[in-house]
């Protein structure tokens, strides 16, 4: 999964009702044909997450881009949408010292703190791209659990040694739905097209469900081995059946052999008949 792992939690309040699965759609995802679906279930205190451990040790100052697309199918009660958590080491001891939260609901440019661009309101039933690198964040250490917001540049200016770090529960780059009883109850949303840029490289992640073909030619299945290629969808027009539009051509040499055998048989019968006549 290119460094990503799925985790679920009850948030300290059983039972765990959250789940994360790879699905087709919804609608037309920004990349490919699928996405990862984060469902919280009846226990909104729990959460569904995808976490990436590959960026541990990356200086927050070297983070050049961070964005993703999200789709809300079943909203919570407070404008909820999948959000990002970054685990940060501030003193180079390899432990998480702070958590930074990017929440789409706070990205319309009206909240207190550092000025951030207006990225619009969270909507239901449509894909939206969220630019976390340019947006506003709040710090767990600040104790506000929301605005005033701080940009990553401002946070780095105050914490120049800030580095991404993994946690015992998983990777330090997290995309989350949940952790809020009531507000997150029964939430369902999807994530795709996650872009992470550093001074070393930029990586785009396309989440797809196994067995759903992307818009590329689908190879024909080998007769007798129907699992050798995915089944076609109505949109890709591909066929997994052998081509039966014309019969196989019989090799010319085979016709010659068959004709020679027939000639031998005819000659033998003819000689037998002549012997009986005499």
Protein backbone atom coordinates (compact mmCIF):
# COMPACT_ATOMS: atom_id res chain seq x y z
CA UNK A 1 0.00 0.00 0.00
CA UNK A 2 2.95 2.34 -0.65
CA UNK A 3 3.59 2.94 3.03
CA UNK A 4 -0.08 3.35 4.01
CA UNK A 5 -1.82 1.23 6.63
CA UNK A 6 -5.43 1.15 7.82
CA UNK A 7 -6.19 1.52 11.51
CA UNK A 8 -9.42 1.78 13.48
CA UNK A 9 -10.05 2.79 17.06
CA UNK A 10 -12.88 3.02 19.58
CA UNK A 11 -11.39 6.26 20.93
CA UNK A 12 -11.32 4.77 24.39
CA UNK A 13 -15.07 4.16 24.37
CA UNK A 14 -16.02 0.66 23.15
CA UNK A 15 -17.24 -0.71 20.85
CA UNK A 16 -15.23 -0.12 17.69
CA UNK A 17 -17.69 0.62 14.89
CA UNK A 18 -15.26 2.32 12.49
CA UNK A 19 -13.99 0.73 9.29
CA UNK A 20 -11.82 1.66 6.30
CA UNK A 21 -12.11 -0.05 2.93
CA UNK A 22 -11.08 0.52 -0.68
CA UNK A 23 -14.12 1.05 -2.89
CA UNK A 24 -15.12 2.07 -6.40
CA UNK A 25 -16.13 5.72 -6.66
CA UNK A 26 -17.99 7.48 -5.26
CA UNK A 27 -18.85 9.52 -8.32
CA UNK A 28 -15.78 10.20 -10.42
CA UNK A 29 -12.69 10.21 -8.18
CA UNK A 30 -9.88 12.63 -9.08
CA UNK A 31 -7.55 9.72 -9.91
CA UNK A 32 -8.44 6.30 -11.29
CA UNK A 33 -11.78 4.73 -10.43
CA UNK A 34 -11.58 4.18 -6.68
CA UNK A 35 -10.80 5.66 -3.28
CA UNK A 36 -10.49 4.72 0.38
CA UNK A 37 -13.73 4.97 2.35
CA UNK A 38 -13.63 5.99 6.02
CA UNK A 39 -16.77 5.01 7.93
CA UNK A 40 -17.09 5.92 11.62
CA UNK A 41 -20.24 3.99 12.51
CA UNK A 42 -22.54 4.59 15.46
CA UNK A 43 -19.70 5.26 17.92
CA UNK A 44 -18.47 8.70 16.88
CA UNK A 45 -15.81 8.59 19.60
CA UNK A 46 -13.94 6.07 17.47
CA UNK A 47 -12.14 6.67 14.21
CA UNK A 48 -11.07 5.19 10.90
CA UNK A 49 -7.64 6.21 9.61
CA UNK A 50 -5.07 5.65 6.92
CA UNK A 51 -1.53 6.25 8.17
CA UNK A 52 1.81 6.55 6.41
CA UNK A 53 5.10 5.78 8.16
CA UNK A 54 7.42 6.69 5.28
CA UNK A 55 7.92 10.33 6.26
CA UNK A 56 9.36 9.84 9.73
CA UNK A 57 12.47 12.00 10.09
CA UNK A 58 11.31 14.56 7.52
CA UNK A 59 11.80 18.09 8.77
CA UNK A 60 8.55 20.05 8.77
CA UNK A 61 10.53 22.83 7.07
CA UNK A 62 11.21 20.45 4.16
CA UNK A 63 7.53 19.77 3.56
CA UNK A 64 6.82 21.56 0.26
CA UNK A 65 3.32 20.30 -0.43
CA UNK A 66 0.48 18.41 1.24
CA UNK A 67 -2.98 18.06 -0.27
CA UNK A 68 -5.77 15.53 -0.76
CA UNK A 69 -9.26 15.17 -2.17
CA UNK A 70 -12.21 14.20 0.00
CA UNK A 71 -15.83 13.23 -0.58
CA UNK A 72 -18.48 13.36 2.14
CA UNK A 73 -21.37 10.93 1.66
CA UNK A 74 -22.94 10.97 5.13
CA UNK A 75 -22.01 14.15 7.03
CA UNK A 76 -21.64 14.60 10.74
CA UNK A 77 -23.32 17.38 12.66
CA UNK A 78 -20.62 20.04 12.43
CA UNK A 79 -19.34 20.19 8.84
CA UNK A 80 -17.08 17.18 9.28
CA UNK A 81 -14.75 15.93 6.53
CA UNK A 82 -11.67 13.69 6.57
CA UNK A 83 -8.78 15.61 8.14
CA UNK A 84 -5.01 15.33 8.62
CA UNK A 85 -3.02 14.81 11.80
CA UNK A 86 0.77 15.19 11.81
CA UNK A 87 2.79 13.77 14.71
CA UNK A 88 5.73 16.09 15.43
CA UNK A 89 9.00 15.63 17.34
CA UNK A 90 10.22 18.99 18.65
CA UNK A 91 13.47 18.05 20.38
CA UNK A 92 14.98 15.28 18.24
CA UNK A 93 14.40 12.51 20.79
CA UNK A 94 12.31 10.36 18.45
CA UNK A 95 9.10 10.83 20.44
CA UNK A 96 5.92 12.65 19.49
CA UNK A 97 5.79 16.01 21.30
CA UNK A 98 2.81 17.61 19.53
CA UNK A 99 0.00 16.85 17.10
CA UNK A 100 -0.99 19.24 14.31
CA UNK A 101 -4.56 19.13 12.95
CA UNK A 102 -5.73 20.31 9.52
CA UNK A 103 -9.53 20.35 9.40
CA UNK A 104 -11.41 21.40 6.23
CA UNK A 105 -14.21 23.01 8.24
CA UNK A 106 -11.79 25.79 9.30
CA UNK A 107 -10.49 26.62 5.80
CA UNK A 108 -12.92 29.33 4.64
CA UNK A 109 -10.69 32.23 5.71
CA UNK A 110 -12.97 33.50 8.49
CA UNK A 111 -11.36 31.97 11.57
CA UNK A 112 -8.94 33.68 13.94
CA UNK A 113 -5.20 33.21 13.83
CA UNK A 114 -2.87 33.34 10.83
CA UNK A 115 -4.60 34.41 7.60
CA UNK A 116 -5.27 31.43 5.32
CA UNK A 117 -6.81 31.21 1.84
CA UNK A 118 -10.54 30.63 1.45
CA UNK A 119 -10.89 27.02 0.27
CA UNK A 120 -14.69 27.04 0.51
CA UNK A 121 -17.19 25.24 2.69
CA UNK A 122 -17.38 21.48 3.12
CA UNK A 123 -20.07 20.09 0.83
CA UNK A 124 -21.85 16.74 0.65
CA UNK A 125 -21.88 14.56 -2.46
CA UNK A 126 -18.94 16.12 -4.30
CA UNK A 127 -15.17 15.70 -4.49
CA UNK A 128 -13.22 18.63 -3.00
CA UNK A 129 -9.48 19.23 -2.99
CA UNK A 130 -7.92 20.52 0.23
CA UNK A 131 -4.51 22.23 0.25
CA UNK A 132 -3.20 21.49 3.72
CA UNK A 133 0.24 22.96 3.06
CA UNK A 134 -1.32 26.38 2.44
CA UNK A 135 -4.08 26.05 5.03
CA UNK A 136 -4.56 26.67 8.72
CA UNK A 137 -3.72 24.18 11.48
CA UNK A 138 -4.23 23.96 15.21
CA UNK A 139 -1.77 22.47 17.69
CA UNK A 140 -2.71 20.02 20.42
CA UNK A 141 -0.15 21.71 22.69
CA UNK A 142 -2.02 25.00 22.33
CA UNK A 143 -4.95 23.45 24.20
CA UNK A 144 -7.59 25.23 22.09
CA UNK A 145 -8.82 22.16 20.17
CA UNK A 146 -9.52 24.43 17.24
CA UNK A 147 -8.75 28.02 16.15
CA UNK A 148 -6.84 30.26 16.38
CA UNK A 149 -5.15 28.73 13.37
CA UNK A 150 -1.46 28.63 12.57
CA UNK A 151 0.19 28.01 9.21
CA UNK A 152 2.96 25.45 8.87
CA UNK A 153 5.41 28.26 8.09
CA UNK A 154 4.52 30.02 11.34
CA UNK A 155 4.77 26.80 13.31
CA UNK A 156 8.21 26.05 11.84
CA UNK A 157 9.35 29.59 12.64
CA UNK A 158 8.50 28.95 16.30
CA UNK A 159 9.71 25.33 16.23
CA UNK A 160 12.63 25.13 13.77
CA UNK A 161 13.54 21.57 14.80
CA UNK A 162 10.04 20.20 14.23
CA UNK A 163 10.26 16.81 12.52
CA UNK A 164 7.63 14.27 11.51
CA UNK A 165 7.72 11.17 13.71
CA UNK A 166 5.89 7.86 13.86
CA UNK A 167 3.93 6.77 16.90
CA UNK A 168 3.50 3.38 18.55
CA UNK A 169 0.00 3.28 17.08
CA UNK A 170 1.19 3.83 13.49
CA UNK A 171 2.63 6.28 10.98
CA UNK A 172 2.93 9.95 11.81
CA UNK A 173 1.07 11.14 8.69
CA UNK A 174 -2.59 10.40 9.34
CA UNK A 175 -5.82 11.01 7.41
CA UNK A 176 -8.69 10.58 9.81
CA UNK A 177 -12.46 10.45 10.20
CA UNK A 178 -13.82 10.43 13.73
CA UNK A 179 -12.67 11.01 17.33
CA UNK A 180 -15.73 13.05 18.32
CA UNK A 181 -18.84 11.41 19.80
CA UNK A 182 -22.03 12.93 18.48
CA UNK A 183 -20.46 15.11 15.83
CA UNK A 184 -18.93 12.14 13.97
CA UNK A 185 -21.66 9.54 14.55
CA UNK A 186 -22.32 7.47 11.38
CA UNK A 187 -20.05 9.65 9.24
CA UNK A 188 -19.02 8.22 5.84
CA UNK A 189 -16.39 9.89 3.65
CA UNK A 190 -13.74 9.05 1.07
CA UNK A 191 -10.17 10.11 0.31
CA UNK A 192 -8.11 10.00 -2.89
CA UNK A 193 -5.26 11.80 -4.67
CA UNK A 194 -3.07 12.45 -1.64
CA UNK A 195 -0.02 14.50 -2.61
CA UNK A 196 3.00 14.75 -0.32
CA UNK A 197 5.89 16.97 -1.41
CA UNK A 198 9.29 17.30 0.21
CA UNK A 199 12.51 18.93 -0.88
CA UNK A 200 13.60 15.45 -2.03
CA UNK A 201 10.56 14.44 -4.09
CA UNK A 202 6.80 14.71 -4.55
CA UNK A 203 4.58 11.62 -4.41
CA UNK A 204 0.95 11.29 -5.47
CA UNK A 205 -1.09 8.44 -4.00
CA UNK A 206 -4.03 6.98 -5.95
CA UNK A 207 -6.19 4.67 -3.82
CA UNK A 208 -7.87 1.86 -5.79
CA UNK A 209 -9.92 -1.20 -4.93
CA UNK A 210 -8.48 -4.57 -5.98
CA UNK A 211 -10.28 -6.00 -9.00
CA UNK A 212 -11.64 -2.70 -10.33
CA UNK A 213 -9.73 -1.87 -13.52
CA UNK A 214 -8.36 1.58 -14.17
CA UNK A 215 -8.94 3.11 -17.62
CA UNK A 216 -6.26 1.01 -19.31
CA UNK A 217 -6.62 -1.91 -21.72
CA UNK A 218 -7.68 -5.08 -19.90
CA UNK A 219 -5.85 -8.27 -21.04
CA UNK A 220 -7.98 -11.18 -22.18
CA UNK A 221 -8.37 -14.03 -19.72
CA UNK A 222 -6.53 -17.27 -20.44
CA UNK A 223 -9.12 -19.99 -21.24
CA UNK A 224 -9.56 -22.18 -18.19
CA UNK A 225 -8.07 -19.52 -15.90
CA UNK A 226 -10.81 -16.92 -15.41
CA UNK A 227 -8.88 -15.24 -12.57
CA UNK A 228 -5.99 -14.13 -14.74
CA UNK A 229 -7.49 -10.69 -15.37
CA UNK A 230 -10.14 -8.51 -13.75
CA UNK A 231 -13.70 -8.53 -15.01
CA UNK A 232 -14.55 -5.56 -17.22
CA UNK A 233 -16.76 -2.74 -16.07
CA UNK A 234 -19.45 -1.24 -18.36
CA UNK A 235 -17.29 1.84 -18.86
CA UNK A 236 -14.09 0.22 -20.09
CA UNK A 237 -15.62 -1.82 -22.94
CA UNK A 238 -12.96 -4.50 -22.59
CA UNK A 239 -13.73 -8.18 -23.02
CA UNK A 240 -12.23 -11.11 -21.18
CA UNK A 241 -13.63 -13.71 -23.61
CA UNK A 242 -11.54 -15.31 -26.38
CA UNK A 243 -12.20 -13.86 -29.83
CA UNK A 244 -14.73 -16.12 -31.59
CA UNK A 245 -15.35 -13.89 -34.60
CA UNK A 246 -13.58 -16.32 -36.97
CA UNK A 247 -12.60 -20.01 -36.81
CA UNK A 248 -9.00 -20.96 -36.33
CA UNK A 249 -7.19 -21.61 -39.64
CA UNK A 250 -6.11 -25.28 -40.05
CA UNK A 251 -2.43 -25.55 -41.03
CA UNK A 252 -1.95 -26.49 -44.71
CA UNK A 253 0.43 -29.31 -43.81
CA UNK A 254 -2.31 -31.01 -41.81
CA UNK A 255 -4.60 -30.97 -44.87
CA UNK A 256 -1.88 -32.62 -46.96
CA UNK A 257 -1.39 -35.38 -44.40
CA UNK A 258 -5.14 -36.01 -44.17
CA UNK A 259 -5.45 -36.11 -47.98
CA UNK A 260 -2.54 -38.58 -48.27
CA UNK A 261 -4.11 -40.93 -45.71
CA UNK A 262 -7.41 -40.78 -47.56
CA UNK A 263 -5.70 -41.59 -50.87
CA UNK A 264 -3.99 -44.62 -49.32
CA UNK A 265 -7.30 -45.92 -47.96
CA UNK A 266 -9.04 -45.46 -51.35
CA UNK A 267 -6.25 -47.30 -53.14
CA UNK A 268 -6.39 -50.20 -50.68
CA UNK A 269 -10.15 -50.55 -51.04
CA UNK A 270 -9.84 -50.41 -54.84
CA UNK A 271 -7.26 -53.25 -54.89
CA UNK A 272 -9.48 -55.39 -52.64
CA UNK A 273 -12.46 -54.91 -54.91
CA UNK A 274 -10.44 -55.81 -58.04
CA UNK A 275 -9.22 -59.02 -56.28
CA UNK A 276 -12.76 -60.06 -55.48
CA UNK A 277 -13.83 -59.43 -59.09
CA UNK A 278 -11.22 -61.86 -60.50
